[in-house]
Amino acid sequence: MKQNRSILYERMGLVDYQQAWDYQEQLLKEIVAVKTQNRALPETGKLTTPNYLLLCQHQHVYTLGKSGHEAHLLLDEQGLAEKKAAFYKINRGGDITYHGPGQLVAYPILDLENFFTDIHQYLRLLEEAVIQTLAEYGLRAGRIVGLTGVWLDFEEQRNPRKICAMGVKCSRWVTMHGLALNVNTDLDYFDNIVPCGISDKAVTSLEKEVGRVVPMEEVEEKLLHHFERLFEAKLLAHQYEERH
């Protein structure tokens, strides 16, 4: 099968979490259907699979991964209602996290057979795209061994703080879910959870670190640039349209 390194990216804006999740599932199923169809086709007749990258923000929501503990949500139903926040148990890896306005969420729905079949390499490249984006704002970010996501003060760890959470799912080498970068996020919402199951480290945002509100579209452009280069892909703008 010929590799397709083009990625259609869609700016979805502020979108309901369930709507975005359903859309990811739909795109993943469409890609897997092509791969299933290819099984019956000769090598010369195999179809190429598409790749997508969704960029969005969500209304206030807490999501719990497959390996997470519900006790890490510190709110009951009344508390969620007071915070105007939703709660979902979802099918990505990882524990609990928060999504909300001012946070840049990126969902790559990629057929990794178009790039490389290595989930660890995939995760490292996602992290690297964020690390290089933050470097453009003068922030030195990196990884902490044994922990997911992207961190500040990751070396000496005197005050390590997480600025980007990650959690993915991969089925038939097709990815979904992704990363959540705190840009102008209301960090108070993290007080209602044990973020990613980690109780002894802080959460931060780009706004907090640089001392000003940062335009979301500016951060999106920088992330797209580094994503395209690191994945050796060609990003093509695609208009988001609700599918029914």
Protein backbone atom coordinates (compact mmCIF):
# COMPACT_ATOMS: atom_id res chain seq x y z
CA MET A 1 0.00 0.00 0.00
CA LYS A 2 1.29 3.44 -0.94
CA GLN A 3 1.94 5.61 2.10
CA ASN A 4 -0.12 8.79 2.41
CA ARG A 5 1.70 11.44 4.41
CA SER A 6 -0.92 14.12 3.87
CA ILE A 7 -2.90 15.08 6.98
CA LEU A 8 -6.19 16.95 6.80
CA TYR A 9 -6.38 19.29 9.78
CA GLU A 10 -9.63 20.77 11.03
CA ARG A 11 -10.10 23.66 13.43
CA MET A 12 -13.27 22.74 15.29
CA GLY A 13 -13.31 25.68 17.70
CA LEU A 14 -15.09 25.30 21.05
CA VAL A 15 -16.89 21.97 20.78
CA ASP A 16 -18.75 19.61 23.09
CA TYR A 17 -16.56 16.72 24.27
CA GLN A 18 -19.02 13.99 23.27
CA GLN A 19 -19.35 15.51 19.81
CA ALA A 20 -15.58 15.51 19.30
CA TRP A 21 -15.27 11.97 20.66
CA ASP A 22 -18.00 10.71 18.33
CA TYR A 23 -16.30 12.43 15.39
CA GLN A 24 -12.97 10.80 16.22
CA GLU A 25 -14.65 7.39 16.43
CA GLN A 26 -16.30 7.95 13.06
CA LEU A 27 -13.04 8.93 11.36
CA LEU A 28 -11.22 5.98 12.92
CA LYS A 29 -13.90 3.55 11.70
CA GLU A 30 -13.70 4.99 8.19
CA ILE A 31 -9.93 4.48 8.10
CA VAL A 32 -10.17 0.95 9.51
CA ALA A 33 -12.85 0.13 6.92
CA VAL A 34 -10.43 1.07 4.12
CA LYS A 35 -7.73 -1.10 5.70
CA THR A 36 -10.16 -4.01 5.93
CA GLN A 37 -11.15 -3.54 2.29
CA ASN A 38 -7.48 -3.56 1.30
CA ARG A 39 -7.09 -7.10 2.62
CA ALA A 40 -9.07 -8.40 -0.36
CA LEU A 41 -7.27 -6.24 -2.94
CA PRO A 42 -4.03 -7.01 -4.81
CA GLU A 43 -0.98 -4.99 -3.81
CA THR A 44 -1.23 -2.78 -6.88
CA GLY A 45 -4.90 -1.99 -6.22
CA LYS A 46 -4.78 -1.16 -2.53
CA LEU A 47 -6.41 2.10 -1.46
CA THR A 48 -4.59 4.79 0.51
CA THR A 49 -5.90 5.68 3.94
CA PRO A 50 -6.56 9.28 5.02
CA ASN A 51 -5.10 10.98 8.09
CA TYR A 52 -6.71 13.69 10.19
CA LEU A 53 -5.68 16.16 12.88
CA LEU A 54 -8.45 17.84 14.86
CA LEU A 55 -7.76 21.02 16.85
CA CYS A 56 -10.35 22.21 19.34
CA GLN A 57 -11.26 23.47 22.78
CA HIS A 58 -13.88 21.92 25.03
CA GLN A 59 -16.47 23.08 27.49
CA HIS A 60 -15.52 22.16 31.08
CA VAL A 61 -15.14 18.38 31.25
CA TYR A 62 -13.24 15.72 33.20
CA THR A 63 -12.25 12.52 31.41
CA LEU A 64 -11.08 9.27 32.99
CA GLY A 65 -8.88 6.85 31.04
CA LYS A 66 -9.08 3.06 31.11
CA SER A 67 -6.36 2.70 33.74
CA GLY A 68 -7.64 5.55 35.90
CA HIS A 69 -9.30 5.60 39.29
CA GLU A 70 -12.66 7.30 39.70
CA ALA A 71 -11.61 8.34 43.21
CA HIS A 72 -9.24 10.82 41.52
CA LEU A 73 -12.31 12.91 40.67
CA LEU A 74 -12.89 14.94 43.83
CA LEU A 75 -16.39 16.12 42.91
CA ASP A 76 -19.74 14.39 43.27
CA GLU A 77 -22.64 14.95 40.87
CA GLN A 78 -23.69 18.12 42.68
CA GLY A 79 -20.14 19.43 42.59
CA LEU A 80 -19.91 18.77 38.86
CA ALA A 81 -23.19 20.61 38.33
CA GLU A 82 -21.96 23.59 40.35
CA LYS A 83 -18.80 23.73 38.24
CA LYS A 84 -20.87 23.27 35.06
CA ALA A 85 -18.56 20.39 34.20
CA ALA A 86 -19.26 17.05 32.55
CA PHE A 87 -17.57 13.73 33.33
CA TYR A 88 -16.77 10.87 30.93
CA LYS A 89 -15.12 7.48 31.26
CA ILE A 90 -13.32 7.05 27.97
CA ASN A 91 -11.23 4.55 26.01
CA ARG A 92 -7.81 6.20 25.99
CA GLY A 93 -4.89 5.30 28.18
CA GLY A 94 -4.00 7.26 31.29
CA ASP A 95 -5.87 8.48 34.34
CA ILE A 96 -8.06 11.55 34.86
CA THR A 97 -7.60 14.96 33.30
CA TYR A 98 -9.47 18.20 32.69
CA HIS A 99 -10.37 19.93 29.43
CA GLY A 100 -11.81 23.40 29.14
CA PRO A 101 -11.81 26.74 27.33
CA GLY A 102 -8.34 28.17 26.82
CA GLN A 103 -6.79 24.72 26.44
CA LEU A 104 -5.57 23.58 23.03
CA VAL A 105 -6.63 19.98 22.40
CA ALA A 106 -5.16 18.09 19.44
CA TYR A 107 -6.59 14.78 18.25
CA PRO A 108 -4.51 13.08 15.55
CA ILE A 109 -6.43 10.30 13.80
CA LEU A 110 -3.51 8.88 11.85
CA ASP A 111 -2.93 5.56 10.15
CA LEU A 112 0.56 4.97 11.52
CA GLU A 113 1.23 2.57 8.65
CA ASN A 114 1.50 5.75 6.58
CA PHE A 115 4.36 6.88 8.82
CA PHE A 116 5.89 4.23 11.12
CA THR A 117 4.48 1.40 13.18
CA ASP A 118 5.87 2.34 16.57
CA ILE A 119 3.49 3.72 19.21
CA HIS A 120 6.37 4.86 21.43
CA GLN A 121 7.90 6.87 18.60
CA TYR A 122 4.46 8.35 17.97
CA LEU A 123 4.11 9.48 21.59
CA ARG A 124 7.63 10.94 21.64
CA LEU A 125 6.90 12.97 18.48
CA LEU A 126 3.67 14.32 19.96
CA GLU A 127 5.63 15.41 23.03
CA GLU A 128 8.38 16.89 20.87
CA ALA A 129 5.91 18.98 18.87
CA VAL A 130 4.71 20.54 22.14
CA ILE A 131 8.25 20.94 23.50
CA GLN A 132 9.35 22.83 20.38
CA THR A 133 6.19 24.95 20.39
CA LEU A 134 6.86 26.01 23.98
CA ALA A 135 10.49 26.76 23.13
CA GLU A 136 9.22 29.53 20.83
CA TYR A 137 7.89 31.23 23.98
CA GLY A 138 11.21 30.89 25.78
CA LEU A 139 10.11 27.91 27.87
CA ARG A 140 12.39 24.92 28.34
CA ALA A 141 10.07 21.91 28.54
CA GLY A 142 10.71 18.19 28.51
CA ARG A 143 9.84 14.76 29.82
CA ILE A 144 10.03 13.17 33.26
CA VAL A 145 10.87 9.46 33.27
CA GLY A 146 7.89 7.35 34.25
CA LEU A 147 5.35 10.16 33.77
CA THR A 148 3.35 11.10 30.70
CA GLY A 149 3.01 14.51 29.11
CA VAL A 150 5.24 17.56 28.88
CA TRP A 151 6.72 19.26 31.94
CA LEU A 152 8.55 22.39 33.02
CA ASP A 153 11.45 22.12 35.48
CA PHE A 154 11.80 18.52 34.32
CA GLU A 155 15.52 18.27 35.06
CA GLU A 156 16.18 19.51 38.61
CA GLN A 157 12.51 19.01 39.52
CA ARG A 158 12.50 21.56 42.32
CA ASN A 159 9.06 22.68 41.18
CA PRO A 160 8.02 20.35 38.34
CA ARG A 161 4.76 21.36 36.71
CA LYS A 162 2.78 19.79 33.94
CA ILE A 163 1.77 21.96 31.02
CA CYS A 164 0.53 19.31 28.58
CA ALA A 165 -1.35 16.07 29.24
CA MET A 166 -1.39 13.14 26.84
CA GLY A 167 -3.47 10.01 26.39
CA VAL A 168 -3.99 7.98 23.23
CA LYS A 169 -5.68 4.91 21.83
CA CYS A 170 -4.42 2.88 18.87
CA SER A 171 -6.51 0.34 16.95
CA ARG A 172 -5.18 -1.44 13.84
CA TRP A 173 -2.38 1.18 13.90
CA VAL A 174 -4.96 3.99 13.73
CA THR A 175 -4.67 6.56 16.54
CA MET A 176 -7.22 8.67 18.37
CA HIS A 177 -7.37 10.97 21.41
CA GLY A 178 -4.12 12.90 21.84
CA LEU A 179 -2.81 15.89 23.79
CA ALA A 180 -4.12 18.84 25.79
CA LEU A 181 -1.86 21.88 26.09
CA ASN A 182 -2.76 24.45 28.75
CA VAL A 183 -2.59 27.81 26.99
CA ASN A 184 -4.95 30.23 28.80
CA THR A 185 -6.62 27.54 30.90
CA ASP A 186 -8.45 28.21 34.18
CA LEU A 187 -6.13 26.12 36.36
CA ASP A 188 -8.55 26.16 39.31
CA TYR A 189 -10.43 23.30 37.64
CA PHE A 190 -7.44 21.03 38.25
CA ASP A 191 -8.03 21.45 42.00
CA ASN A 192 -11.04 19.15 41.66
CA ILE A 193 -9.02 16.13 40.52
CA VAL A 194 -5.77 14.31 41.15
CA PRO A 195 -4.41 15.21 37.68
CA CYS A 196 -3.32 12.09 35.82
CA GLY A 197 -3.19 10.37 39.22
CA ILE A 198 -0.22 12.52 40.30
CA SER A 199 -0.81 14.26 43.62
CA ASP A 200 2.60 15.80 44.35
CA LYS A 201 3.24 17.89 41.23
CA ALA A 202 1.66 21.12 40.00
CA VAL A 203 -0.15 22.00 36.78
CA THR A 204 0.62 25.18 34.85
CA SER A 205 -0.28 27.02 31.65
CA LEU A 206 1.48 29.01 28.97
CA GLU A 207 -0.32 32.16 30.17
CA LYS A 208 0.90 31.64 33.74
CA GLU A 209 4.48 31.01 32.67
CA VAL A 210 4.86 33.96 30.28
CA GLY A 211 2.64 36.35 32.22
CA ARG A 212 0.19 37.22 29.46
CA VAL A 213 -2.75 35.83 27.53
CA VAL A 214 -1.46 34.06 24.43
CA PRO A 215 -3.62 34.02 21.25
CA MET A 216 -4.87 30.46 20.71
CA GLU A 217 -4.58 30.64 16.93
CA GLU A 218 -0.93 31.66 17.27
CA VAL A 219 -0.19 28.57 19.38
CA GLU A 220 -2.13 26.38 16.94
CA GLU A 221 -0.02 27.63 14.03
CA LYS A 222 3.22 26.89 15.86
CA LEU A 223 2.05 23.41 16.90
CA LEU A 224 0.92 22.62 13.34
CA HIS A 225 4.32 23.71 11.99
CA HIS A 226 6.27 21.46 14.34
CA PHE A 227 3.83 18.57 13.92
CA GLU A 228 4.18 18.72 10.13
CA ARG A 229 7.98 18.81 10.27
CA LEU A 230 8.42 16.09 12.89
CA PHE A 231 6.04 13.67 11.17
CA GLU A 232 7.50 14.55 7.75
CA ALA A 233 3.93 15.16 6.62
CA LYS A 234 2.02 17.63 4.51
CA LEU A 235 -0.76 19.39 6.42
CA LEU A 236 -3.80 20.44 4.42
CA ALA A 237 -6.54 22.66 5.83
CA HIS A 238 -9.95 20.97 5.84
CA GLN A 239 -13.23 22.64 6.76
CA TYR A 240 -14.86 21.06 9.77
CA GLU A 241 -18.44 20.07 9.09
CA GLU A 242 -20.66 18.16 11.48
CA ARG A 243 -21.44 14.71 10.18
CA HIS A 244 -24.71 12.99 10.89
